[in-house]
PDB file of all heavy atoms in Angstrom:
ATOM      1  N   LEU A   1      -0.257   0.777   8.380  1.00  0.00           N
ATOM      2  CA  LEU A   1       0.060   1.943   9.173  1.00  0.00           C
ATOM      3  C   LEU A   1      -0.122   3.202   8.423  1.00  0.00           C
ATOM      4  O   LEU A   1      -0.641   4.184   8.905  1.00  0.00           O
ATOM      5  CB  LEU A   1       1.451   1.774   9.722  1.00  0.00           C
ATOM      6  CG  LEU A   1       1.655   0.813  10.891  1.00  0.00           C
ATOM      7  CD1 LEU A   1       3.117   0.516  11.075  1.00  0.00           C
ATOM      8  CD2 LEU A   1       1.027   1.220  12.135  1.00  0.00           C
ATOM      9  N   ARG A   2       0.323   3.240   7.140  1.00  0.00           N
ATOM     10  CA  ARG A   2       0.196   4.411   6.332  1.00  0.00           C
ATOM     11  C   ARG A   2      -1.217   4.693   6.019  1.00  0.00           C
ATOM     12  O   ARG A   2      -1.725   5.830   6.033  1.00  0.00           O
ATOM     13  CB  ARG A   2       1.007   4.288   5.043  1.00  0.00           C
ATOM     14  CG  ARG A   2       0.947   5.515   4.163  1.00  0.00           C
ATOM     15  CD  ARG A   2       1.697   5.392   2.841  1.00  0.00           C
ATOM     16  NE  ARG A   2       1.060   4.291   2.054  1.00  0.00           N
ATOM     17  CZ  ARG A   2       1.486   4.046   0.822  1.00  0.00           C
ATOM     18  NH1 ARG A   2       2.484   4.702   0.273  1.00  0.00           N
ATOM     19  NH2 ARG A   2       0.962   3.093   0.096  1.00  0.00           N
ATOM     20  N   TRP A   3      -2.075   3.636   5.768  1.00  0.00           N
ATOM     21  CA  TRP A   3      -3.469   3.824   5.526  1.00  0.00           C
ATOM     22  C   TRP A   3      -4.159   4.428   6.674  1.00  0.00           C
ATOM     23  O   TRP A   3      -5.018   5.320   6.584  1.00  0.00           O
ATOM     24  CB  TRP A   3      -4.055   2.505   5.087  1.00  0.00           C
ATOM     25  CG  TRP A   3      -5.404   2.557   4.543  1.00  0.00           C
ATOM     26  CD1 TRP A   3      -6.100   3.691   4.128  1.00  0.00           C
ATOM     27  CD2 TRP A   3      -6.360   1.503   4.286  1.00  0.00           C
ATOM     28  NE1 TRP A   3      -7.307   3.380   3.626  1.00  0.00           N
ATOM     29  CE2 TRP A   3      -7.477   2.026   3.776  1.00  0.00           C
ATOM     30  CE3 TRP A   3      -6.298   0.076   4.524  1.00  0.00           C
ATOM     31  CZ2 TRP A   3      -8.598   1.195   3.411  1.00  0.00           C
ATOM     32  CZ3 TRP A   3      -7.374  -0.660   4.164  1.00  0.00           C
ATOM     33  CH2 TRP A   3      -8.492  -0.134   3.603  1.00  0.00           C
ATOM     34  N   GLY A   4      -3.753   4.025   7.851  1.00  0.00           N
ATOM     35  CA  GLY A   4      -4.370   4.616   9.071  1.00  0.00           C
ATOM     36  C   GLY A   4      -4.000   6.055   9.193  1.00  0.00           C
ATOM     37  O   GLY A   4      -4.845   6.879   9.598  1.00  0.00           O
ATOM     38  N   ALA A   5      -2.803   6.451   8.819  1.00  0.00           N
ATOM     39  CA  ALA A   5      -2.416   7.827   8.853  1.00  0.00           C
ATOM     40  C   ALA A   5      -3.134   8.690   7.875  1.00  0.00           C
ATOM     41  O   ALA A   5      -3.511   9.829   8.121  1.00  0.00           O
ATOM     42  CB  ALA A   5      -0.908   7.968   8.620  1.00  0.00           C
ATOM     43  N   LEU A   6      -3.481   8.095   6.722  1.00  0.00           N
ATOM     44  CA  LEU A   6      -4.241   8.822   5.677  1.00  0.00           C
ATOM     45  C   LEU A   6      -5.710   8.914   6.100  1.00  0.00           C
ATOM     46  O   LEU A   6      -6.410   9.913   5.701  1.00  0.00           O
ATOM     47  CB  LEU A   6      -4.099   8.065   4.351  1.00  0.00           C
ATOM     48  CG  LEU A   6      -2.737   8.137   3.677  1.00  0.00           C
ATOM     49  CD1 LEU A   6      -2.698   7.217   2.442  1.00  0.00           C
ATOM     50  CD2 LEU A   6      -2.334   9.524   3.243  1.00  0.00           C
ATOM     51  N   LEU A   7      -6.205   7.883   6.792  1.00  0.00           N
ATOM     52  CA  LEU A   7      -7.590   7.929   7.236  1.00  0.00           C
ATOM     53  C   LEU A   7      -7.800   8.869   8.459  1.00  0.00           C
ATOM     54  O   LEU A   7      -8.938   9.309   8.728  1.00  0.00           O
ATOM     55  CB  LEU A   7      -8.055   6.517   7.654  1.00  0.00           C
ATOM     56  CG  LEU A   7      -8.668   5.643   6.567  1.00  0.00           C
ATOM     57  CD1 LEU A   7      -8.819   4.241   7.070  1.00  0.00           C
ATOM     58  CD2 LEU A   7     -10.029   6.169   6.111  1.00  0.00           C
ATOM     59  N   LYS A   8      -6.752   9.182   9.179  1.00  0.00           N
ATOM     60  CA  LYS A   8      -6.854   9.953  10.391  1.00  0.00           C
ATOM     61  C   LYS A   8      -7.662  11.284  10.241  1.00  0.00           C
ATOM     62  O   LYS A   8      -8.459  11.577  11.137  1.00  0.00           O
ATOM     63  CB  LYS A   8      -5.469  10.169  10.980  1.00  0.00           C
ATOM     64  CG  LYS A   8      -5.462  10.628  12.461  1.00  0.00           C
ATOM     65  CD  LYS A   8      -4.035  10.867  12.930  1.00  0.00           C
ATOM     66  CE  LYS A   8      -3.215   9.584  12.833  1.00  0.00           C
ATOM     67  NZ  LYS A   8      -1.825   9.811  13.297  1.00  0.00           N
ATOM     68  N   PRO A   9      -7.440  12.065   9.171  1.00  0.00           N
ATOM     69  CA  PRO A   9      -8.238  13.243   9.018  1.00  0.00           C
ATOM     70  C   PRO A   9      -9.731  13.029   8.884  1.00  0.00           C
ATOM     71  O   PRO A   9     -10.564  13.921   9.085  1.00  0.00           O
ATOM     72  CB  PRO A   9      -7.660  13.942   7.773  1.00  0.00           C
ATOM     73  CG  PRO A   9      -6.290  13.343   7.629  1.00  0.00           C
ATOM     74  CD  PRO A   9      -6.397  11.929   8.106  1.00  0.00           C
ATOM     75  N   LEU A  10     -10.099  11.741   8.563  1.00  0.00           N
ATOM     76  CA  LEU A  10     -11.524  11.451   8.296  1.00  0.00           C
ATOM     77  C   LEU A  10     -12.126  10.651   9.424  1.00  0.00           C
ATOM     78  O   LEU A  10     -13.193  11.020   9.918  1.00  0.00           O
ATOM     79  CB  LEU A  10     -11.677  10.654   6.967  1.00  0.00           C
ATOM     80  CG  LEU A  10     -11.210  11.357   5.681  1.00  0.00           C
ATOM     81  CD1 LEU A  10     -11.254  10.373   4.553  1.00  0.00           C
ATOM     82  CD2 LEU A  10     -12.053  12.614   5.365  1.00  0.00           C
ATOM     83  N   VAL A  11     -11.448   9.558   9.869  1.00  0.00           N
ATOM     84  CA  VAL A  11     -11.971   8.714  10.872  1.00  0.00           C
ATOM     85  C   VAL A  11     -10.859   7.796  11.383  1.00  0.00           C
ATOM     86  O   VAL A  11     -10.041   7.352  10.562  1.00  0.00           O
ATOM     87  CB  VAL A  11     -13.197   7.885  10.402  1.00  0.00           C
ATOM     88  CG1 VAL A  11     -12.771   7.045   9.236  1.00  0.00           C
ATOM     89  CG2 VAL A  11     -13.784   7.046  11.492  1.00  0.00           C
ATOM     90  N   PRO A  12     -10.740   7.548  12.651  1.00  0.00           N
ATOM     91  CA  PRO A  12      -9.734   6.612  13.154  1.00  0.00           C
ATOM     92  C   PRO A  12     -10.128   5.157  12.829  1.00  0.00           C
ATOM     93  O   PRO A  12     -11.279   4.830  12.739  1.00  0.00           O
ATOM     94  CB  PRO A  12      -9.727   6.852  14.704  1.00  0.00           C
ATOM     95  CG  PRO A  12     -11.156   7.374  14.946  1.00  0.00           C
ATOM     96  CD  PRO A  12     -11.563   8.151  13.746  1.00  0.00           C
ATOM     97  N   ALA A  13      -9.164   4.333  12.628  1.00  0.00           N
ATOM     98  CA  ALA A  13      -9.412   2.924  12.319  1.00  0.00           C
ATOM     99  C   ALA A  13      -8.368   2.073  13.105  1.00  0.00           C
ATOM    100  O   ALA A  13      -7.247   2.503  13.342  1.00  0.00           O
ATOM    101  CB  ALA A  13      -9.274   2.712  10.779  1.00  0.00           C
ATOM    102  N   ARG A  14      -8.781   0.880  13.458  1.00  0.00           N
ATOM    103  CA  ARG A  14      -7.922  -0.085  14.129  1.00  0.00           C
ATOM    104  C   ARG A  14      -6.869  -0.681  13.220  1.00  0.00           C
ATOM    105  O   ARG A  14      -7.201  -1.047  12.073  1.00  0.00           O
ATOM    106  CB  ARG A  14      -8.713  -1.154  14.830  1.00  0.00           C
ATOM    107  CG  ARG A  14      -9.625  -0.704  15.951  1.00  0.00           C
ATOM    108  CD  ARG A  14     -10.375  -1.809  16.623  1.00  0.00           C
ATOM    109  NE  ARG A  14     -11.246  -2.504  15.678  1.00  0.00           N
ATOM    110  CZ  ARG A  14     -12.525  -2.233  15.561  1.00  0.00           C
ATOM    111  NH1 ARG A  14     -13.024  -1.287  16.273  1.00  0.00           N
ATOM    112  NH2 ARG A  14     -13.255  -2.917  14.710  1.00  0.00           N
ATOM    113  N   LEU A  15      -5.666  -0.786  13.706  1.00  0.00           N
ATOM    114  CA  LEU A  15      -4.578  -1.361  12.931  1.00  0.00           C
ATOM    115  C   LEU A  15      -4.913  -2.797  12.416  1.00  0.00           C
ATOM    116  O   LEU A  15      -4.582  -3.133  11.292  1.00  0.00           O
ATOM    117  CB  LEU A  15      -3.231  -1.328  13.641  1.00  0.00           C
ATOM    118  CG  LEU A  15      -2.018  -1.897  12.962  1.00  0.00           C
ATOM    119  CD1 LEU A  15      -1.768  -1.153  11.633  1.00  0.00           C
ATOM    120  CD2 LEU A  15      -0.828  -1.826  13.833  1.00  0.00           C
ATOM    121  N   SER A  16      -5.485  -3.560  13.335  1.00  0.00           N
ATOM    122  CA  SER A  16      -5.776  -4.932  12.944  1.00  0.00           C
ATOM    123  C   SER A  16      -6.775  -5.010  11.770  1.00  0.00           C
ATOM    124  O   SER A  16      -6.599  -5.818  10.803  1.00  0.00           O
ATOM    125  CB  SER A  16      -6.355  -5.693  14.131  1.00  0.00           C
ATOM    126  OG  SER A  16      -7.539  -5.087  14.609  1.00  0.00           O
ATOM    127  N   ASP A  17      -7.835  -4.190  11.778  1.00  0.00           N
ATOM    128  CA  ASP A  17      -8.747  -4.114  10.690  1.00  0.00           C
ATOM    129  C   ASP A  17      -8.042  -3.629   9.347  1.00  0.00           C
ATOM    130  O   ASP A  17      -8.378  -4.074   8.320  1.00  0.00           O
ATOM    131  CB  ASP A  17      -9.915  -3.183  11.033  1.00  0.00           C
ATOM    132  CG  ASP A  17     -10.712  -3.758  12.207  1.00  0.00           C
ATOM    133  OD1 ASP A  17     -10.760  -4.962  12.407  1.00  0.00           O
ATOM    134  OD2 ASP A  17     -11.349  -2.981  12.912  1.00  0.00           O
ATOM    135  N   LEU A  18      -7.185  -2.672   9.525  1.00  0.00           N
ATOM    136  CA  LEU A  18      -6.486  -2.131   8.371  1.00  0.00           C
ATOM    137  C   LEU A  18      -5.615  -3.164   7.699  1.00  0.00           C
ATOM    138  O   LEU A  18      -5.549  -3.248   6.479  1.00  0.00           O
ATOM    139  CB  LEU A  18      -5.623  -0.858   8.806  1.00  0.00           C
ATOM    140  CG  LEU A  18      -6.398   0.345   9.148  1.00  0.00           C
ATOM    141  CD1 LEU A  18      -5.473   1.353   9.897  1.00  0.00           C
ATOM    142  CD2 LEU A  18      -7.047   1.059   7.962  1.00  0.00           C
ATOM    143  N   PHE A  19      -4.941  -3.978   8.556  1.00  0.00           N
ATOM    144  CA  PHE A  19      -4.098  -5.030   8.037  1.00  0.00           C
ATOM    145  C   PHE A  19      -4.896  -6.061   7.302  1.00  0.00           C
ATOM    146  O   PHE A  19      -4.510  -6.536   6.213  1.00  0.00           O
ATOM    147  CB  PHE A  19      -3.248  -5.617   9.186  1.00  0.00           C
ATOM    148  CG  PHE A  19      -2.298  -6.663   8.658  1.00  0.00           C
ATOM    149  CD1 PHE A  19      -1.042  -6.284   8.147  1.00  0.00           C
ATOM    150  CD2 PHE A  19      -2.551  -8.000   8.764  1.00  0.00           C
ATOM    151  CE1 PHE A  19      -0.123  -7.196   7.693  1.00  0.00           C
ATOM    152  CE2 PHE A  19      -1.635  -8.932   8.355  1.00  0.00           C
ATOM    153  CZ  PHE A  19      -0.413  -8.545   7.791  1.00  0.00           C
ATOM    154  N   VAL A  20      -5.974  -6.498   7.943  1.00  0.00           N
ATOM    155  CA  VAL A  20      -6.816  -7.587   7.297  1.00  0.00           C
ATOM    156  C   VAL A  20      -7.333  -7.032   6.006  1.00  0.00           C
ATOM    157  O   VAL A  20      -7.318  -7.697   4.946  1.00  0.00           O
ATOM    158  CB  VAL A  20      -7.982  -7.936   8.239  1.00  0.00           C
ATOM    159  CG1 VAL A  20      -8.982  -8.830   7.544  1.00  0.00           C
ATOM    160  CG2 VAL A  20      -7.426  -8.640   9.488  1.00  0.00           C
ATOM    161  N   ALA A  21      -7.848  -5.836   5.931  1.00  0.00           N
ATOM    162  CA  ALA A  21      -8.449  -5.218   4.739  1.00  0.00           C
ATOM    163  C   ALA A  21      -7.381  -5.083   3.637  1.00  0.00           C
ATOM    164  O   ALA A  21      -7.628  -5.319   2.429  1.00  0.00           O
ATOM    165  CB  ALA A  21      -9.132  -3.944   5.001  1.00  0.00           C
ATOM    166  N   THR A  22      -6.133  -4.688   4.109  1.00  0.00           N
ATOM    167  CA  THR A  22      -5.056  -4.508   3.084  1.00  0.00           C
ATOM    168  C   THR A  22      -4.722  -5.813   2.493  1.00  0.00           C
ATOM    169  O   THR A  22      -4.565  -5.897   1.235  1.00  0.00           O
ATOM    170  CB  THR A  22      -3.845  -3.889   3.833  1.00  0.00           C
ATOM    171  OG1 THR A  22      -4.184  -2.590   4.313  1.00  0.00           O
ATOM    172  CG2 THR A  22      -2.665  -3.763   2.795  1.00  0.00           C
ATOM    173  N   THR A  23      -4.483  -6.825   3.223  1.00  0.00           N
ATOM    174  CA  THR A  23      -4.056  -8.134   2.648  1.00  0.00           C
ATOM    175  C   THR A  23      -5.086  -8.782   1.835  1.00  0.00           C
ATOM    176  O   THR A  23      -4.852  -9.375   0.755  1.00  0.00           O
ATOM    177  CB  THR A  23      -3.576  -9.085   3.790  1.00  0.00           C
ATOM    178  OG1 THR A  23      -4.606  -9.210   4.810  1.00  0.00           O
ATOM    179  CG2 THR A  23      -2.317  -8.575   4.444  1.00  0.00           C
ATOM    180  N   ILE A  24      -6.381  -8.688   2.282  1.00  0.00           N
ATOM    181  CA  ILE A  24      -7.462  -9.244   1.524  1.00  0.00           C
ATOM    182  C   ILE A  24      -7.615  -8.510   0.187  1.00  0.00           C
ATOM    183  O   ILE A  24      -7.831  -9.054  -0.864  1.00  0.00           O
ATOM    184  CB  ILE A  24      -8.790  -9.185   2.318  1.00  0.00           C
ATOM    185  CG1 ILE A  24      -8.766 -10.208   3.446  1.00  0.00           C
ATOM    186  CG2 ILE A  24      -9.981  -9.468   1.436  1.00  0.00           C
ATOM    187  CD1 ILE A  24      -9.960 -10.174   4.310  1.00  0.00           C
TER     188      ILE A  24
END
């Protein structure tokens, strides 16, 4: 969720993708 908030000024991203990328 925090990564998505940091990405928001650049590009929106889906939470599911953010979670998968974070854990991997």
